[in-house]
N, C-alpha and C. Protein backbone atom coordinates (compact mmCIF):
# COMPACT_ATOMS: atom_id res chain seq x y z
N UNK A 1 88.92 104.55 109.04
CA UNK A 1 89.86 103.08 108.27
C UNK A 1 89.55 103.70 106.81
N UNK A 2 91.07 103.01 106.21
CA UNK A 2 91.04 103.71 104.74
C UNK A 2 90.76 102.71 104.07
N UNK A 3 90.57 102.55 102.21
CA UNK A 3 90.81 101.82 101.64
C UNK A 3 92.07 101.11 101.36
N UNK A 4 91.84 99.54 100.66
CA UNK A 4 93.19 98.93 100.62
C UNK A 4 93.66 99.93 99.83
N UNK A 5 95.20 99.90 99.60
CA UNK A 5 95.63 100.27 98.13
C UNK A 5 95.51 99.63 96.71
N UNK A 6 95.85 100.41 95.60
CA UNK A 6 95.29 100.12 94.35
C UNK A 6 96.41 100.03 93.44
N UNK A 7 97.04 98.93 93.15
CA UNK A 7 98.04 99.10 92.47
C UNK A 7 97.91 99.46 90.82
N UNK A 8 98.33 100.56 90.29
CA UNK A 8 98.14 101.22 88.95
C UNK A 8 98.82 101.35 88.24
N UNK A 9 100.22 100.65 88.33
CA UNK A 9 101.37 100.54 87.46
C UNK A 9 102.07 99.38 87.90
N UNK A 10 102.72 98.42 87.31
CA UNK A 10 103.61 97.79 87.91
C UNK A 10 104.58 97.30 86.44
N UNK A 11 105.36 98.21 86.46
CA UNK A 11 106.74 97.43 85.29
C UNK A 11 108.00 97.05 85.95
N UNK A 12 108.49 95.98 85.08
CA UNK A 12 110.08 95.64 85.67
C UNK A 12 110.94 95.17 84.33
N UNK A 13 111.80 95.42 85.28
CA UNK A 13 113.43 94.95 83.99
C UNK A 13 113.30 95.48 82.48
N UNK A 14 112.30 96.94 82.48
CA UNK A 14 112.16 97.38 81.24
C UNK A 14 112.80 98.76 80.52
N UNK A 15 113.36 98.79 79.42
CA UNK A 15 114.03 99.74 78.86
C UNK A 15 113.26 101.09 78.93
N UNK A 16 113.69 102.31 79.36
CA UNK A 16 112.89 103.68 79.09
C UNK A 16 113.96 104.86 77.86
N UNK A 17 113.51 105.82 77.22
CA UNK A 17 114.19 106.44 76.56
C UNK A 17 113.98 107.40 77.41
N UNK A 18 115.58 108.37 77.07
CA UNK A 18 115.27 109.67 78.07
C UNK A 18 113.90 110.52 77.50
N UNK A 19 113.53 111.51 78.58
CA UNK A 19 112.90 112.44 78.32
C UNK A 19 111.23 112.38 77.22
N UNK A 20 111.01 110.84 77.99
CA UNK A 20 110.04 110.00 77.28
C UNK A 20 108.65 109.48 78.12
N UNK A 21 108.00 109.86 77.83
CA UNK A 21 106.84 109.49 78.93
C UNK A 21 107.13 107.97 79.29
N UNK A 22 106.76 107.47 80.53
CA UNK A 22 107.17 105.97 80.53
C UNK A 22 105.93 105.23 80.66
N UNK A 23 104.83 105.73 81.68
CA UNK A 23 103.14 105.22 81.18
C UNK A 23 102.84 105.53 79.67
N UNK A 24 102.18 104.47 79.27
CA UNK A 24 101.68 104.94 77.78
C UNK A 24 100.39 105.62 77.80
N UNK A 25 99.73 105.69 78.80
CA UNK A 25 98.66 106.85 79.05
C UNK A 25 98.52 107.72 80.58
N UNK A 26 98.67 108.41 80.84
CA UNK A 26 98.25 109.02 82.17
C UNK A 26 97.80 108.51 83.18
N UNK A 27 98.31 108.68 84.35
CA UNK A 27 97.36 108.29 85.40
C UNK A 27 96.68 109.32 85.79
N UNK A 28 95.24 108.32 85.83
CA UNK A 28 94.24 109.29 86.15
C UNK A 28 93.47 109.09 87.33
N UNK A 29 93.66 109.67 88.62
CA UNK A 29 92.83 109.19 90.06
C UNK A 29 91.72 108.46 89.79
N UNK A 30 91.42 107.57 90.84
CA UNK A 30 90.43 106.96 90.84
C UNK A 30 89.38 107.40 91.65
N UNK A 31 90.21 108.45 93.46
CA UNK A 31 89.77 109.51 94.38
C UNK A 31 90.69 110.35 94.08
N UNK A 32 89.62 111.22 94.31
CA UNK A 32 90.31 112.96 94.73
C UNK A 32 89.74 113.48 95.93
N UNK A 33 90.93 113.90 96.84
CA UNK A 33 92.07 113.88 96.55
C UNK A 33 92.36 111.86 97.30
N UNK A 34 93.78 111.69 96.72
CA UNK A 34 94.27 110.43 97.34
C UNK A 34 96.00 111.05 97.13
N UNK A 35 96.35 109.74 97.15
CA UNK A 35 98.52 109.92 97.25
C UNK A 35 98.80 108.48 95.86
N UNK A 36 99.44 108.73 95.14
CA UNK A 36 100.36 108.01 94.27
C UNK A 36 101.41 107.61 95.08
N UNK A 37 101.56 106.84 95.50
CA UNK A 37 102.73 106.27 96.23
C UNK A 37 103.75 105.37 95.45
N UNK A 38 104.53 106.19 94.81
CA UNK A 38 105.75 105.54 94.12
C UNK A 38 107.47 105.19 94.29
N UNK A 39 107.25 104.08 93.78
CA UNK A 39 108.49 103.00 94.30
C UNK A 39 109.25 102.62 92.81
N UNK A 40 110.81 103.46 92.92
CA UNK A 40 111.33 103.32 91.33
C UNK A 40 112.80 103.22 91.85
N UNK A 41 113.56 102.37 90.75
CA UNK A 41 114.51 102.10 90.72
C UNK A 41 114.88 101.54 89.68
N UNK A 42 116.38 102.57 89.14
CA UNK A 42 116.79 102.70 87.74
C UNK A 42 118.11 102.07 87.91
N UNK A 43 118.82 101.00 86.57
CA UNK A 43 119.75 100.93 86.32
C UNK A 43 121.45 102.11 86.56
N UNK A 44 120.77 103.38 86.13
CA UNK A 44 121.37 104.55 85.57
C UNK A 44 121.21 105.71 86.46
N UNK A 45 122.14 106.26 86.69
CA UNK A 45 122.03 107.95 87.12
C UNK A 45 121.15 108.71 86.46
N UNK A 46 119.74 109.37 87.27
CA UNK A 46 119.44 110.42 86.26
C UNK A 46 118.07 111.11 86.86
N UNK A 47 117.39 111.81 86.64
CA UNK A 47 116.04 112.66 87.56
C UNK A 47 115.01 112.34 86.47
N UNK A 48 114.66 111.83 87.71
CA UNK A 48 112.94 111.40 88.04
C UNK A 48 112.03 112.64 87.69
N UNK A 49 111.11 112.73 86.41
CA UNK A 49 110.14 113.87 86.56
C UNK A 49 108.81 113.71 86.56
N UNK A 50 108.27 114.29 87.61
CA UNK A 50 106.16 114.03 87.59
C UNK A 50 105.78 115.00 86.39
N UNK A 51 105.08 114.48 85.57
CA UNK A 51 104.37 114.99 84.53
C UNK A 51 102.94 115.06 85.32
N UNK A 52 102.71 117.02 85.80
CA UNK A 52 101.27 117.12 86.10
C UNK A 52 100.37 117.92 85.10
N UNK A 53 99.59 116.97 84.57
CA UNK A 53 98.55 118.17 83.63
C UNK A 53 97.55 118.03 84.17
N UNK A 54 96.77 119.97 83.98
CA UNK A 54 95.57 120.10 84.34
C UNK A 54 94.99 121.10 82.87
N UNK A 55 94.04 120.32 82.50
CA UNK A 55 93.49 121.18 82.05
C UNK A 55 94.35 121.62 80.57
N UNK A 56 95.26 121.07 79.75
CA UNK A 56 95.88 120.57 78.67
C UNK A 56 97.45 121.53 79.40
N UNK A 57 97.26 121.88 80.37
CA UNK A 57 98.56 122.83 80.91
C UNK A 57 99.77 121.33 81.50
N UNK A 58 101.17 121.33 81.12
CA UNK A 58 101.63 119.93 82.31
C UNK A 58 102.39 121.01 82.57
N UNK A 59 103.03 120.00 83.51
CA UNK A 59 103.87 121.20 84.74
C UNK A 59 105.40 120.21 85.26
N UNK A 60 106.25 120.13 84.69
CA UNK A 60 107.40 119.17 85.47
C UNK A 60 108.20 119.80 87.00
N UNK A 61 107.89 118.64 87.68
CA UNK A 61 108.15 118.49 89.33
C UNK A 61 109.58 117.53 89.36
N UNK A 62 110.79 117.92 89.27
CA UNK A 62 111.66 117.04 89.55
C UNK A 62 111.59 116.27 90.55
N UNK A 63 111.51 114.56 91.48
CA UNK A 63 111.11 114.03 92.37
C UNK A 63 112.50 113.89 92.54
N UNK A 64 113.27 114.14 93.83
CA UNK A 64 114.73 114.13 93.78
C UNK A 64 114.84 113.14 95.09
N UNK A 65 116.21 112.57 95.24
CA UNK A 65 116.21 111.61 96.16
C UNK A 65 117.09 112.60 97.34
N UNK A 66 116.67 112.45 98.38
CA UNK A 66 117.60 112.98 99.67
C UNK A 66 118.83 113.14 99.80
N UNK A 67 119.29 114.04 99.57
CA UNK A 67 120.82 113.98 99.92
C UNK A 67 121.63 113.93 98.65
N UNK A 68 120.83 113.84 97.50
CA UNK A 68 121.61 113.48 96.36
C UNK A 68 122.15 114.17 95.00
N UNK A 69 121.69 115.34 95.13
CA UNK A 69 121.91 116.92 94.15
C UNK A 69 121.02 116.87 93.25
N UNK A 70 119.91 116.37 93.17
CA UNK A 70 118.99 116.08 92.25
C UNK A 70 118.91 114.72 91.34
N UNK A 71 119.89 114.12 90.81
CA UNK A 71 119.75 112.64 90.72
C UNK A 71 119.42 111.48 91.53
N UNK A 72 118.77 110.92 90.87
CA UNK A 72 118.99 109.20 91.77
C UNK A 72 119.69 108.76 91.59
N UNK A 73 120.51 107.68 92.95
CA UNK A 73 121.64 106.77 92.34
C UNK A 73 120.55 105.65 91.85
N UNK A 74 122.10 105.10 90.95
CA UNK A 74 121.77 103.61 90.28
C UNK A 74 121.64 102.75 91.56
N UNK A 75 121.00 101.73 90.58
CA UNK A 75 120.55 100.43 91.95
C UNK A 75 120.17 101.01 93.31
N UNK A 76 119.32 102.28 93.40
CA UNK A 76 118.72 102.43 94.80
C UNK A 76 117.48 102.15 94.54
N UNK A 77 116.88 101.85 95.44
CA UNK A 77 114.96 102.08 95.17
C UNK A 77 115.02 103.51 96.30
N UNK A 78 113.38 104.03 95.46
CA UNK A 78 113.25 105.38 96.05
C UNK A 78 111.77 105.13 96.05
N UNK A 79 110.92 105.75 97.30
CA UNK A 79 109.56 106.01 97.11
C UNK A 79 109.23 107.41 97.54
N UNK A 80 108.21 107.91 96.33
CA UNK A 80 107.90 109.06 96.54
C UNK A 80 105.90 109.16 96.65
N UNK A 81 105.35 110.13 97.64
CA UNK A 81 104.42 110.32 97.47
C UNK A 81 103.82 111.51 97.17
N UNK A 82 102.75 110.99 96.19
CA UNK A 82 102.39 112.23 95.53
C UNK A 82 100.86 112.53 95.76
N UNK A 83 100.26 113.98 96.36
CA UNK A 83 99.41 113.93 96.35
C UNK A 83 98.24 114.35 95.18
N UNK A 84 97.01 114.28 95.01
CA UNK A 84 96.44 114.46 93.85
C UNK A 84 95.29 114.90 94.17
N UNK A 85 94.85 115.79 92.41
CA UNK A 85 94.27 117.12 92.63
C UNK A 85 93.01 116.67 91.63
N UNK A 86 91.89 117.56 91.75
CA UNK A 86 90.80 117.62 90.87
C UNK A 86 91.27 117.58 89.50
N UNK A 87 90.79 117.16 88.59
CA UNK A 87 91.29 117.34 87.15
C UNK A 87 92.84 117.00 86.93
N UNK A 88 93.38 116.52 87.18
CA UNK A 88 94.74 116.36 86.76
C UNK A 88 94.99 115.12 86.88
N UNK A 89 95.86 114.74 85.41
CA UNK A 89 96.09 113.42 85.43
C UNK A 89 98.21 113.46 85.54
N UNK A 90 98.58 111.96 85.48
CA UNK A 90 99.78 112.24 85.88
C UNK A 90 101.16 110.93 84.96
N UNK A 91 102.02 111.37 84.74
CA UNK A 91 103.07 110.42 84.27
C UNK A 91 104.63 111.06 84.34
N UNK A 92 105.71 109.81 84.12
CA UNK A 92 106.72 109.99 84.50
C UNK A 92 107.68 110.19 83.76
N UNK A 93 108.71 110.86 83.79
CA UNK A 93 109.73 110.46 82.68
C UNK A 93 111.20 110.52 83.39
N UNK A 94 112.21 110.06 82.84
CA UNK A 94 113.53 109.68 82.92
C UNK A 94 114.39 110.45 82.55
N UNK A 95 115.77 111.37 82.70
CA UNK A 95 116.25 112.12 81.99
C UNK A 95 117.28 111.39 80.86
N UNK A 96 117.82 110.12 81.64
CA UNK A 96 118.44 109.57 80.27
C UNK A 96 117.87 108.19 80.09
N UNK A 97 118.54 107.75 79.10
CA UNK A 97 118.61 106.49 78.33
C UNK A 97 118.62 105.28 80.05
N UNK A 98 117.93 104.01 80.15
CA UNK A 98 118.44 103.66 80.98
C UNK A 98 117.31 102.16 81.03
N UNK A 99 117.31 101.46 82.02
CA UNK A 99 116.13 100.23 82.48
C UNK A 99 116.27 100.39 83.44
N UNK A 100 114.63 100.32 83.28
CA UNK A 100 113.67 100.71 84.65
C UNK A 100 113.56 99.14 85.55
N UNK A 101 114.62 98.96 86.53
CA UNK A 101 114.28 97.86 87.23
C UNK A 101 113.14 97.84 87.90
N UNK A 102 112.58 98.32 88.54
CA UNK A 102 111.38 98.22 88.94
C UNK A 102 110.51 99.65 89.41
N UNK A 103 109.39 99.44 88.80
CA UNK A 103 108.43 100.74 89.28
C UNK A 103 107.29 99.83 89.57
N UNK A 104 106.37 100.41 90.37
CA UNK A 104 105.09 100.09 91.31
C UNK A 104 104.74 101.35 92.01
N UNK A 105 103.18 101.70 91.00
CA UNK A 105 102.57 102.94 91.62
C UNK A 105 101.03 102.48 92.23
N UNK A 106 101.22 102.66 93.44
CA UNK A 106 99.89 102.46 94.47
C UNK A 106 99.13 103.78 94.36
N UNK A 107 97.56 103.33 94.36
CA UNK A 107 96.57 104.84 94.27
C UNK A 107 96.15 104.65 95.57
N UNK A 108 96.49 105.12 96.80
CA UNK A 108 96.11 104.93 98.03
C UNK A 108 95.31 106.37 98.37
N UNK A 109 93.69 105.61 98.88
CA UNK A 109 92.50 106.57 99.18
C UNK A 109 92.51 106.92 100.48
N UNK A 110 92.50 108.38 100.59
CA UNK A 110 92.65 109.46 101.74
C UNK A 110 94.11 109.01 102.84
N UNK A 111 94.26 108.91 103.69
CA UNK A 111 95.22 109.07 104.41
C UNK A 111 95.86 108.01 104.06
N UNK A 112 97.22 107.89 104.68
CA UNK A 112 98.43 107.25 104.23
C UNK A 112 98.52 106.70 105.66
């Protein structure tokens, strides 16, 4: 039996600046390992990037919509599952100025 998902972030109809952190502070998982389930829709096509930081080093992972060649399609919802690990924090960036129509991040403890 798994715990109920915990809503970590919810953003509605908000402007985002290209290549700038979307969250005001990184998400620190409450339980490790867990999953961050990300639901997101933008009004403009672009690339969504996960910023994963561990011990002061940040790496970028592009979250790619299936069959889109790298960019997310405008006005189309996407869902991504990110596996968390010890001592890591997480943020998102978008490659273009856009309106973030909806973003919700749930933390799911253990199984999906």
